[in-house]
C-alpha atoms as a PDB file:
ATOM      1  CA  MET A   1      37.496  31.275 -20.945  1.00  0.00           C
ATOM      2  CA  ILE A   2      36.295  28.144 -23.035  1.00  0.00           C
ATOM      3  CA  SER A   3      33.802  29.298 -26.702  1.00  0.00           C
ATOM      4  CA  ILE A   4      31.263  27.333 -27.226  1.00  0.00           C
ATOM      5  CA  ASP A   5      29.418  27.802 -30.171  1.00  0.00           C
ATOM      6  CA  SER A   6      25.612  28.069 -31.167  1.00  0.00           C
ATOM      7  CA  VAL A   7      25.347  24.340 -32.815  1.00  0.00           C
ATOM      8  CA  THR A   8      26.663  22.544 -29.947  1.00  0.00           C
ATOM      9  CA  LEU A   9      25.301  24.994 -27.527  1.00  0.00           C
ATOM     10  CA  ALA A  10      21.580  23.314 -28.938  1.00  0.00           C
ATOM     11  CA  VAL A  11      22.835  19.802 -29.479  1.00  0.00           C
ATOM     12  CA  MET A  12      24.043  19.858 -26.040  1.00  0.00           C
ATOM     13  CA  SER A  13      20.739  21.004 -24.473  1.00  0.00           C
ATOM     14  CA  PHE A  14      18.594  18.970 -26.439  1.00  0.00           C
ATOM     15  CA  ALA A  15      20.892  15.786 -25.454  1.00  0.00           C
ATOM     16  CA  MET A  16      20.118  17.574 -21.876  1.00  0.00           C
ATOM     17  CA  VAL A  17      16.378  17.653 -22.648  1.00  0.00           C
ATOM     18  CA  ALA A  18      15.573  14.516 -24.243  1.00  0.00           C
ATOM     19  CA  THR A  19      17.556  12.051 -21.070  1.00  0.00           C
ATOM     20  CA  ALA A  20      15.495  14.098 -18.490  1.00  0.00           C
ATOM     21  CA  SER A  21      12.574  14.619 -19.750  1.00  0.00           C
ATOM     22  CA  PRO A  22      11.302  10.710 -19.172  1.00  0.00           C
ATOM     23  CA  PHE A  23      11.792  11.039 -15.859  1.00  0.00           C
ATOM     24  CA  VAL A  24      10.231  14.393 -15.748  1.00  0.00           C
ATOM     25  CA  TYR A  25       7.335  12.783 -17.011  1.00  0.00           C
ATOM     26  CA  TYR A  26       6.605   9.339 -14.920  1.00  0.00           C
ATOM     27  CA  SER A  27       6.896  12.003 -11.877  1.00  0.00           C
ATOM     28  CA  TYR A  28       4.456  13.734 -12.604  1.00  0.00           C
ATOM     29  CA  LYS A  29       2.716  10.592 -13.792  1.00  0.00           C
ATOM     30  CA  LEU A  30       3.162   9.086 -10.183  1.00  0.00           C
ATOM     31  CA  LYS A  31       2.495  12.460  -8.052  1.00  0.00           C
ATOM     32  CA  LYS A  32      -1.104  12.853 -10.719  1.00  0.00           C
ATOM     33  CA  ILE A  33      -1.782   9.128  -9.803  1.00  0.00           C
ATOM     34  CA  SER A  34      -1.159   9.127  -5.962  1.00  0.00           C
ATOM     35  CA  SER A  35      -3.069  12.499  -5.588  1.00  0.00           C
ATOM     36  CA  GLY A  36      -5.649  10.322  -7.046  1.00  0.00           C
ATOM     37  CA  ASN A  37      -5.337   7.955  -4.606  1.00  0.00           C
ATOM     38  CA  LEU A  38      -5.521  10.292  -1.943  1.00  0.00           C
ATOM     39  CA  ALA A  39      -9.122  11.646  -3.080  1.00  0.00           C
ATOM     40  CA  SER A  40     -10.078   8.539  -3.593  1.00  0.00           C
ATOM     41  CA  PHE A  41      -9.928   7.469  -0.511  1.00  0.00           C
ATOM     42  CA  GLU A  42     -10.269  11.050   1.945  1.00  0.00           C
ATOM     43  CA  GLU A  43     -13.781  10.423  -0.825  1.00  0.00           C
ATOM     44  CA  PHE A  44     -14.651   7.001   0.831  1.00  0.00           C
ATOM     45  CA  SER A  45     -13.898   8.149   4.129  1.00  0.00           C
ATOM     46  CA  SER A  46     -15.585  11.142   3.831  1.00  0.00           C
ATOM     47  CA  THR A  47     -19.162   9.265   1.836  1.00  0.00           C
ATOM     48  CA  ASN A  48     -18.331   6.634   5.232  1.00  0.00           C
ATOM     49  CA  ASN A  49     -18.296   9.780   8.486  1.00  0.00           C
ATOM     50  CA  ILE A  50     -15.291   9.012   8.763  1.00  0.00           C
ATOM     51  CA  THR A  51     -11.980  11.320  10.562  1.00  0.00           C
ATOM     52  CA  PRO A  52      -8.849   8.166  10.069  1.00  0.00           C
ATOM     53  CA  THR A  53      -6.556   9.756  12.315  1.00  0.00           C
ATOM     54  CA  GLN A  54      -4.065   7.418  11.599  1.00  0.00           C
ATOM     55  CA  HIS A  55      -2.796   6.860   7.825  1.00  0.00           C
ATOM     56  CA  GLU A  56       0.252   4.150   5.889  1.00  0.00           C
ATOM     57  CA  ARG A  57       0.461   4.353   2.608  1.00  0.00           C
ATOM     58  CA  TRP A  58       2.759   1.703   0.540  1.00  0.00           C
ATOM     59  CA  ARG A  59       3.846   0.945  -3.129  1.00  0.00           C
ATOM     60  CA  ASN A  60       1.358   3.354  -3.740  1.00  0.00           C
ATOM     61  CA  HIS A  61      -0.819   0.767  -4.117  1.00  0.00           C
ATOM     62  CA  TYR A  62      -2.444   0.463  -0.212  1.00  0.00           C
ATOM     63  CA  HIS A  63      -3.727   2.699   1.739  1.00  0.00           C
ATOM     64  CA  LEU A  64      -4.931   2.529   5.419  1.00  0.00           C
ATOM     65  CA  GLY A  65      -6.439   4.321   7.838  1.00  0.00           C
ATOM     66  CA  LEU A  66      -8.180   3.988  11.096  1.00  0.00           C
ATOM     67  CA  ASP A  67     -10.519   6.230  13.332  1.00  0.00           C
ATOM     68  CA  LYS A  68      -9.963   5.762  16.342  1.00  0.00           C
ATOM     69  CA  GLN A  69     -12.252   7.674  17.526  1.00  0.00           C
ATOM     70  CA  HIS A  70     -15.262   5.862  16.144  1.00  0.00           C
ATOM     71  CA  LYS A  71     -13.540   2.585  16.118  1.00  0.00           C
ATOM     72  CA  LYS A  72     -13.213   1.266  12.820  1.00  0.00           C
ATOM     73  CA  LEU A  73     -10.772   0.884   9.591  1.00  0.00           C
ATOM     74  CA  VAL A  74     -10.117   2.405   6.256  1.00  0.00           C
ATOM     75  CA  TYR A  75      -8.488   0.138   3.756  1.00  0.00           C
ATOM     76  CA  HIS A  76      -8.001   0.539  -0.724  1.00  0.00           C
ATOM     77  CA  ARG A  77      -6.587  -1.477  -2.846  1.00  0.00           C
ATOM     78  CA  PHE A  78      -5.744   1.156  -6.251  1.00  0.00           C
ATOM     79  CA  GLY A  79      -4.685  -0.978  -9.956  1.00  0.00           C
ATOM     80  CA  SER A  80      -6.605  -4.214 -11.178  1.00  0.00           C
ATOM     81  CA  TYR A  81      -7.935  -5.098  -8.824  1.00  0.00           C
ATOM     82  CA  PRO A  82      -9.751  -2.226  -5.883  1.00  0.00           C
ATOM     83  CA  GLU A  83     -10.741  -2.666  -2.713  1.00  0.00           C
ATOM     84  CA  GLN A  84     -12.485  -0.640  -0.671  1.00  0.00           C
ATOM     85  CA  SER A  85     -13.172  -1.957   2.869  1.00  0.00           C
ATOM     86  CA  LEU A  86     -14.769  -0.214   6.348  1.00  0.00           C
ATOM     87  CA  ILE A  87     -14.137  -2.783   9.291  1.00  0.00           C
ATOM     88  CA  ASP A  88     -15.781  -1.469  12.563  1.00  0.00           C
ATOM     89  CA  LEU A  89     -14.104  -2.563  15.063  1.00  0.00           C
ATOM     90  CA  LYS A  90     -16.130  -3.280  17.480  1.00  0.00           C
ATOM     91  CA  ASP A  91     -17.649  -6.600  15.887  1.00  0.00           C
ATOM     92  CA  VAL A  92     -14.081  -7.625  15.508  1.00  0.00           C
ATOM     93  CA  ASN A  93     -12.500  -9.357  18.173  1.00  0.00           C
ATOM     94  CA  LYS A  94      -9.166 -10.638  16.867  1.00  0.00           C
ATOM     95  CA  VAL A  95      -6.980  -9.588  14.014  1.00  0.00           C
ATOM     96  CA  SER A  96      -4.157 -11.915  13.059  1.00  0.00           C
ATOM     97  CA  ILE A  97      -1.615 -12.173  10.003  1.00  0.00           C
ATOM     98  CA  GLN A  98      -2.262 -14.292   7.498  1.00  0.00           C
ATOM     99  CA  GLU A  99       0.704 -15.161   5.066  1.00  0.00           C
ATOM    100  CA  LYS A 100       1.117 -17.956   1.853  1.00  0.00           C
ATOM    101  CA  ILE A 101       5.270 -18.920   2.053  1.00  0.00           C
ATOM    102  CA  ARG A 102       6.703 -21.353  -0.574  1.00  0.00           C
ATOM    103  CA  LYS A 103      10.230 -23.130  -0.121  1.00  0.00           C
ATOM    104  CA  VAL A 104      11.830 -23.350  -3.544  1.00  0.00           C
ATOM    105  CA  GLN A 105      15.418 -25.218  -2.951  1.00  0.00           C
ATOM    106  CA  VAL A 106      17.765 -24.536  -5.969  1.00  0.00           C
ATOM    107  CA  GLY A 107      21.184 -27.174  -5.503  1.00  0.00           C
ATOM    108  CA  LYS A 108      21.796 -27.353  -1.840  1.00  0.00           C
ATOM    109  CA  GLU A 109      20.315 -23.615  -0.905  1.00  0.00           C
ATOM    110  CA  LYS A 110      16.742 -23.908   0.643  1.00  0.00           C
ATOM    111  CA  ARG A 111      14.529 -20.275  -0.372  1.00  0.00           C
ATOM    112  CA  TYR A 112      10.992 -19.405   1.289  1.00  0.00           C
ATOM    113  CA  ILE A 113       8.959 -16.837  -1.466  1.00  0.00           C
ATOM    114  CA  LEU A 114       6.483 -14.840  -0.357  1.00  0.00           C
ATOM    115  CA  ASP A 115       3.447 -14.596  -2.475  1.00  0.00           C
ATOM    116  CA  PHE A 116       0.803 -13.557  -0.089  1.00  0.00           C
ATOM    117  CA  LEU A 117       0.510 -11.182   3.123  1.00  0.00           C
ATOM    118  CA  ALA A 118      -2.926 -10.195   5.004  1.00  0.00           C
ATOM    119  CA  LEU A 119      -4.526  -8.838   7.703  1.00  0.00           C
ATOM    120  CA  GLN A 120      -7.056 -11.056   8.485  1.00  0.00           C
ATOM    121  CA  PHE A 121      -9.915  -9.911  11.041  1.00  0.00           C
ATOM    122  CA  HIS A 122     -12.153 -12.957  12.993  1.00  0.00           C
ATOM    123  CA  PHE A 123     -15.477 -11.681  14.322  1.00  0.00           C
ATOM    124  CA  LYS A 124     -17.339 -11.927  17.324  1.00  0.00           C
ATOM    125  CA  ASP A 125     -20.024 -13.090  15.777  1.00  0.00           C
ATOM    126  CA  THR A 126     -18.793 -16.268  14.766  1.00  0.00           C
ATOM    127  CA  SER A 127     -21.109 -17.802  11.639  1.00  0.00           C
ATOM    128  CA  HIS A 128     -19.907 -14.245  10.323  1.00  0.00           C
ATOM    129  CA  SER A 129     -17.161 -15.032   8.321  1.00  0.00           C
ATOM    130  CA  PRO A 130     -13.414 -13.795   8.677  1.00  0.00           C
ATOM    131  CA  LYS A 131     -12.195 -10.844   6.173  1.00  0.00           C
ATOM    132  CA  THR A 132      -9.087 -10.418   4.980  1.00  0.00           C
ATOM    133  CA  ILE A 133      -7.318  -7.661   3.888  1.00  0.00           C
ATOM    134  CA  GLU A 134      -4.681  -7.663   1.145  1.00  0.00           C
ATOM    135  CA  ILE A 135      -1.145  -6.037   3.007  1.00  0.00           C
ATOM    136  CA  PHE A 136       1.054  -7.255  -0.587  1.00  0.00           C
ATOM    137  CA  ASP A 137       0.516  -9.646  -3.057  1.00  0.00           C
ATOM    138  CA  GLY A 138       3.801 -11.474  -5.023  1.00  0.00           C
ATOM    139  CA  GLU A 139       2.342 -11.498  -8.373  1.00  0.00           C
ATOM    140  CA  LEU A 140       2.311  -8.047  -7.937  1.00  0.00           C
ATOM    141  CA  PHE A 141       5.105  -7.457  -6.949  1.00  0.00           C
ATOM    142  CA  THR A 142       8.321  -9.100  -7.157  1.00  0.00           C
ATOM    143  CA  ASP A 143      10.089  -7.861  -3.595  1.00  0.00           C
ATOM    144  CA  VAL A 144       9.487  -7.040   0.050  1.00  0.00           C
ATOM    145  CA  ALA A 145      10.082  -3.732   0.693  1.00  0.00           C
ATOM    146  CA  GLY A 146       8.480  -3.898   4.407  1.00  0.00           C
ATOM    147  CA  GLU A 147       5.598  -5.169   4.459  1.00  0.00           C
ATOM    148  CA  ARG A 148       5.729  -8.056   6.861  1.00  0.00           C
ATOM    149  CA  GLY A 149       6.547  -4.920   9.247  1.00  0.00           C
ATOM    150  CA  ILE A 150       3.269  -3.071   7.751  1.00  0.00           C
ATOM    151  CA  ALA A 151       1.802  -6.354   8.885  1.00  0.00           C
ATOM    152  CA  GLU A 152       2.745  -6.384  12.315  1.00  0.00           C
ATOM    153  CA  LYS A 153       2.196  -2.523  13.349  1.00  0.00           C
ATOM    154  CA  TRP A 154      -1.064  -2.581  12.125  1.00  0.00           C
ATOM    155  CA  GLN A 155      -1.916  -5.959  13.898  1.00  0.00           C
ATOM    156  CA  LYS A 156      -0.225  -4.091  17.300  1.00  0.00           C
ATOM    157  CA  ILE A 157      -2.426  -0.869  15.964  1.00  0.00           C
ATOM    158  CA  LEU A 158      -5.514  -2.497  15.599  1.00  0.00           C
ATOM    159  CA  GLU A 159      -5.523  -5.528  18.940  1.00  0.00           C
ATOM    160  CA  SER A 160      -4.854  -2.063  20.798  1.00  0.00           C
ATOM    161  CA  ASN A 161      -7.530  -0.711  20.055  1.00  0.00           C
ATOM    162  CA  LEU A 162      -9.502  -3.424  20.353  1.00  0.00           C
ATOM    163  CA  LYS A 163      -8.777  -3.729  23.946  1.00  0.00           C
ATOM    164  CA  ASP A 164      -9.995  -0.282  24.770  1.00  0.00           C
END
């Protein structure tokens, strides 16, 4: 059997707590932000009498919700420049994907970097300018984590709701 004196046990316990505490703190902080964002989204939806049946949240920064019954889309962007939008799909003619890509050449290798990705709503009333909702901002995030797939998925969902 191994014997451990009380000083060694105390030092090891302190080291383990000190190592784990930043991870526990960050996890708690992230859950608090996430629950606050969700509460804000739900409050905005209920204020506008919308009950989203389909949701998507990503990067703890964006949230989309679709109420198929009333054909309305709720969009939230959190962070430094928050945005809350409600789009009535009955007024929309077409949904397209807008992206801004720049080409960077490193030696002989060419790389394409996505700077901006959004869904753009074109309205039936042509005097109404198109509405853009951001899916990805290259200035906020250094890498793309499935946002192109999210944009394509929501474009298909929204286009199918326009046809109904």
